[in-house]
């Protein structure tokens, strides 16, 4: 296994050939914000919050899918990168209906945490306010697309860990939505096993358990998920 040497924020670090910039940064205690990334799942690179600068390249690179190549010089928190991330969070907040005070994930939401970390007190963009219908047809869970940030964590955990392939993305752009089994009610899905893994990985209040007053992050589930993927355990 070959070892590469690179610098992140002026700090020399080493990496193995299969590691990404995000892997190496977190290994060395360097924080890079993410939303669609989840340890144990494949990378999606959709949220673009992990964008970093690489010396000599005019474009920004998603750290979660960019290999930690030999000799590159990475900057994770330049003014340019910080401005991009702030704009992305503002656009996410404006795209759907994220009213934290009435959300089951209030104080336990990764989007909310990002906004607080970026000191966002208001959004410059006009709220889209789509007023999407909740799906409460499942006997145990509820899907609220108004809170969805299209991170596709639910899609990937259902495909890669549970093996049920219940969730998918329908349409494109502002009309894009997470749907179950070709856009039928979740409660009528023949493929859903009711395992709740999608609920556990959701970063916001888009998926939650019926009767819950708040969401709970379970650190043991992260360990299980990484182990399941490494050992290719398909649980049905």
Protein backbone atom coordinates (compact mmCIF):
# COMPACT_ATOMS: atom_id res chain seq x y z
CA UNK A 1 0.00 0.00 0.00
CA UNK A 2 1.64 3.22 -1.16
CA UNK A 3 1.76 6.30 1.04
CA UNK A 4 1.34 9.84 -0.27
CA UNK A 5 2.41 13.10 1.33
CA UNK A 6 0.37 16.29 0.91
CA UNK A 7 -0.34 19.47 2.84
CA UNK A 8 -3.65 20.63 4.26
CA UNK A 9 -3.75 24.24 5.46
CA UNK A 10 0.05 24.24 5.42
CA UNK A 11 0.25 21.12 7.60
CA UNK A 12 2.15 18.15 6.09
CA UNK A 13 0.06 14.97 6.30
CA UNK A 14 0.36 11.45 4.92
CA UNK A 15 -2.34 9.39 3.25
CA UNK A 16 -2.84 5.94 1.79
CA UNK A 17 -3.79 5.48 -1.85
CA UNK A 18 -7.49 4.80 -1.18
CA UNK A 19 -8.05 7.84 1.05
CA UNK A 20 -9.78 11.03 -0.01
CA UNK A 21 -8.97 14.54 1.15
CA UNK A 22 -11.93 14.37 3.54
CA UNK A 23 -10.64 11.11 5.06
CA UNK A 24 -7.19 12.54 5.66
CA UNK A 25 -8.45 15.86 7.00
CA UNK A 26 -10.70 14.21 9.58
CA UNK A 27 -7.97 11.77 10.51
CA UNK A 28 -5.80 14.75 11.44
CA UNK A 29 -8.52 16.69 13.25
CA UNK A 30 -9.16 19.17 10.44
CA UNK A 31 -12.87 19.94 10.18
CA UNK A 32 -14.51 20.03 6.76
CA UNK A 33 -18.32 20.42 6.86
CA UNK A 34 -20.49 17.86 5.08
CA UNK A 35 -24.16 17.00 4.75
CA UNK A 36 -24.49 14.17 2.23
CA UNK A 37 -21.44 12.27 3.54
CA UNK A 38 -22.05 9.49 6.06
CA UNK A 39 -19.39 7.04 7.20
CA UNK A 40 -20.18 3.58 5.89
CA UNK A 41 -22.08 4.75 2.80
CA UNK A 42 -20.79 5.46 -0.70
CA UNK A 43 -19.99 9.07 -1.52
CA UNK A 44 -22.60 11.20 -3.28
CA UNK A 45 -20.78 14.57 -3.51
CA UNK A 46 -24.13 16.29 -3.88
CA UNK A 47 -24.22 18.83 -1.07
CA UNK A 48 -20.91 20.48 -2.13
CA UNK A 49 -20.27 21.67 1.42
CA UNK A 50 -16.91 19.90 1.52
CA UNK A 51 -15.48 22.01 -1.31
CA UNK A 52 -11.79 22.82 -0.86
CA UNK A 53 -9.13 24.69 -2.82
CA UNK A 54 -6.18 22.86 -4.38
CA UNK A 55 -3.18 24.98 -5.33
CA UNK A 56 -2.84 25.36 -9.09
CA UNK A 57 -6.45 24.43 -9.84
CA UNK A 58 -8.94 27.19 -10.73
CA UNK A 59 -11.97 25.19 -9.58
CA UNK A 60 -13.05 24.00 -6.16
CA UNK A 61 -12.98 20.28 -5.41
CA UNK A 62 -15.33 18.11 -3.35
CA UNK A 63 -13.10 16.68 -0.63
CA UNK A 64 -15.24 13.56 -0.20
CA UNK A 65 -14.45 12.24 -3.70
CA UNK A 66 -11.08 13.86 -4.46
CA UNK A 67 -8.14 11.48 -3.90
CA UNK A 68 -5.41 12.59 -1.52
CA UNK A 69 -2.81 12.77 -4.29
CA UNK A 70 0.92 13.11 -3.79
CA UNK A 71 2.18 16.67 -3.34
CA UNK A 72 -1.12 18.56 -3.54
CA UNK A 73 -1.63 21.63 -1.37
CA UNK A 74 -5.15 21.86 0.05
CA UNK A 75 -6.85 24.83 1.69
CA UNK A 76 -10.06 24.04 3.54
CA UNK A 77 -11.24 27.39 4.90
CA UNK A 78 -10.26 30.20 2.53
CA UNK A 79 -12.54 33.22 2.11
CA UNK A 80 -13.70 31.84 -1.24
CA UNK A 81 -14.57 28.42 0.17
CA UNK A 82 -16.29 29.88 3.22
CA UNK A 83 -18.44 32.15 1.05
CA UNK A 84 -19.48 29.21 -1.14
CA UNK A 85 -20.45 27.08 1.86
CA UNK A 86 -22.46 29.88 3.40
CA UNK A 87 -24.33 30.41 0.15
CA UNK A 88 -25.07 26.68 -0.15
CA UNK A 89 -26.59 26.55 3.34
CA UNK A 90 -28.68 29.64 2.61
CA UNK A 91 -29.98 28.08 -0.61
CA UNK A 92 -30.86 24.85 1.22
CA UNK A 93 -32.77 26.81 3.85
CA UNK A 94 -34.65 28.77 1.18
CA UNK A 95 -35.47 25.77 -1.01
CA UNK A 96 -37.81 23.99 1.41
CA UNK A 97 -39.62 24.83 4.65
CA UNK A 98 -37.07 24.72 7.44
CA UNK A 99 -38.83 26.28 10.42
CA UNK A 100 -36.74 24.88 13.26
CA UNK A 101 -39.09 25.73 16.13
CA UNK A 102 -41.77 23.33 14.88
CA UNK A 103 -39.46 20.58 13.60
CA UNK A 104 -38.97 17.23 15.33
CA UNK A 105 -35.21 17.54 14.66
CA UNK A 106 -34.86 20.94 16.34
CA UNK A 107 -31.50 21.08 18.19
CA UNK A 108 -30.57 17.76 16.64
CA UNK A 109 -30.33 18.73 12.96
CA UNK A 110 -27.17 18.83 10.91
CA UNK A 111 -28.46 21.61 8.66
CA UNK A 112 -29.30 23.68 11.73
CA UNK A 113 -25.85 22.97 13.17
CA UNK A 114 -24.21 24.20 9.96
CA UNK A 115 -26.27 27.40 10.00
CA UNK A 116 -25.30 28.05 13.62
CA UNK A 117 -21.63 27.36 12.91
CA UNK A 118 -21.74 29.83 10.01
CA UNK A 119 -23.51 32.41 12.15
CA UNK A 120 -26.45 32.58 9.75
CA UNK A 121 -29.20 34.74 11.22
CA UNK A 122 -31.17 35.29 8.02
CA UNK A 123 -31.32 34.05 4.43
CA UNK A 124 -30.81 36.43 1.53
CA UNK A 125 -32.91 34.41 -0.89
CA UNK A 126 -36.66 34.35 -1.33
CA UNK A 127 -38.15 31.25 0.36
CA UNK A 128 -39.64 28.82 -2.17
CA UNK A 129 -42.21 27.53 0.36
CA UNK A 130 -43.32 24.52 -1.76
CA UNK A 131 -45.93 23.19 0.77
CA UNK A 132 -45.30 19.53 0.01
CA UNK A 133 -47.61 16.86 1.42
CA UNK A 134 -46.42 14.64 4.28
CA UNK A 135 -46.51 10.89 3.80
CA UNK A 136 -47.77 9.29 7.03
CA UNK A 137 -48.99 6.09 5.40
CA UNK A 138 -46.25 3.95 6.96
CA UNK A 139 -47.30 2.33 10.27
CA UNK A 140 -44.10 3.45 12.05
CA UNK A 141 -42.56 6.40 10.20
CA UNK A 142 -43.37 9.72 8.52
CA UNK A 143 -41.76 11.34 5.50
CA UNK A 144 -41.82 15.15 5.41
CA UNK A 145 -40.37 16.30 2.06
CA UNK A 146 -40.52 19.91 3.26
CA UNK A 147 -37.48 19.13 5.46
CA UNK A 148 -35.56 17.11 2.85
CA UNK A 149 -32.20 18.39 1.60
CA UNK A 150 -31.79 15.62 -1.04
CA UNK A 151 -28.62 14.28 0.55
CA UNK A 152 -29.69 10.75 -0.61
CA UNK A 153 -28.43 9.16 2.59
CA UNK A 154 -31.75 7.30 2.85
CA UNK A 155 -31.43 6.08 -0.74
CA UNK A 156 -27.89 4.80 -0.21
CA UNK A 157 -28.42 3.12 3.16
CA UNK A 158 -31.51 1.36 1.80
CA UNK A 159 -29.63 0.18 -1.29
CA UNK A 160 -26.19 -0.55 0.12
CA UNK A 161 -26.88 -1.82 3.64
CA UNK A 162 -30.49 -3.01 3.80
CA UNK A 163 -30.59 -4.13 0.16
CA UNK A 164 -34.26 -3.17 -0.20
CA UNK A 165 -33.93 -0.40 -2.83
CA UNK A 166 -37.09 1.32 -1.63
CA UNK A 167 -36.02 4.96 -2.03
CA UNK A 168 -35.02 6.90 -5.13
CA UNK A 169 -34.91 10.46 -6.48
CA UNK A 170 -37.73 11.60 -8.77
CA UNK A 171 -37.52 14.56 -11.18
CA UNK A 172 -34.73 17.15 -11.32
CA UNK A 173 -33.89 20.63 -10.09
CA UNK A 174 -36.36 22.27 -7.74
CA UNK A 175 -38.92 19.54 -8.47
CA UNK A 176 -36.62 16.75 -7.28
CA UNK A 177 -38.03 14.61 -4.46
CA UNK A 178 -37.21 11.43 -2.61
CA UNK A 179 -39.91 8.85 -3.39
CA UNK A 180 -40.59 5.26 -2.41
CA UNK A 181 -41.13 2.55 -5.03
CA UNK A 182 -41.83 4.67 -8.11
CA UNK A 183 -43.69 7.37 -6.17
CA UNK A 184 -46.29 5.35 -4.28
CA UNK A 185 -47.19 5.90 -0.61
CA UNK A 186 -44.49 4.65 1.72
CA UNK A 187 -47.01 2.52 3.61
CA UNK A 188 -47.89 0.66 0.42
CA UNK A 189 -44.29 -0.14 -0.48
CA UNK A 190 -43.77 -3.87 -1.11
CA UNK A 191 -40.00 -3.49 -0.80
CA UNK A 192 -39.73 -1.58 2.52
CA UNK A 193 -38.67 -3.84 5.40
CA UNK A 194 -39.49 -1.27 8.10
CA UNK A 195 -35.92 -1.45 9.39
CA UNK A 196 -35.69 2.31 10.07
CA UNK A 197 -32.15 2.72 8.77
CA UNK A 198 -33.25 5.57 6.50
CA UNK A 199 -34.69 7.38 9.51
CA UNK A 200 -31.46 6.90 11.47
CA UNK A 201 -29.24 8.46 8.77
CA UNK A 202 -31.48 11.42 7.88
CA UNK A 203 -29.63 14.65 8.79
CA UNK A 204 -32.79 16.74 9.20
CA UNK A 205 -36.42 16.14 10.18
CA UNK A 206 -37.45 14.73 6.80
CA UNK A 207 -37.76 11.17 8.11
CA UNK A 208 -38.86 10.50 11.66
CA UNK A 209 -40.67 7.99 13.84
CA UNK A 210 -44.34 8.45 14.61
CA UNK A 211 -44.94 9.82 18.09
CA UNK A 212 -41.39 11.14 18.40
CA UNK A 213 -40.97 14.58 19.92
CA UNK A 214 -37.31 14.74 18.95
CA UNK A 215 -34.77 12.76 16.95
CA UNK A 216 -31.90 10.97 18.65
CA UNK A 217 -28.45 10.43 17.19
CA UNK A 218 -27.12 6.97 17.99
CA UNK A 219 -23.29 6.69 17.86
CA UNK A 220 -23.54 2.89 18.01
CA UNK A 221 -25.47 2.90 14.73
CA UNK A 222 -22.55 4.59 12.97
CA UNK A 223 -20.21 1.82 14.13
CA UNK A 224 -22.70 -0.82 12.99
CA UNK A 225 -23.11 0.82 9.59
CA UNK A 226 -19.37 0.98 8.91
CA UNK A 227 -18.97 -2.66 9.97
CA UNK A 228 -21.91 -3.78 7.83
CA UNK A 229 -20.49 -2.13 4.74
CA UNK A 230 -16.96 -3.46 5.33
CA UNK A 231 -18.23 -7.01 5.83
CA UNK A 232 -20.92 -6.66 3.15
CA UNK A 233 -23.68 -7.71 5.49
CA UNK A 234 -27.05 -7.48 3.74
CA UNK A 235 -29.83 -7.47 6.27
CA UNK A 236 -33.35 -8.10 5.06
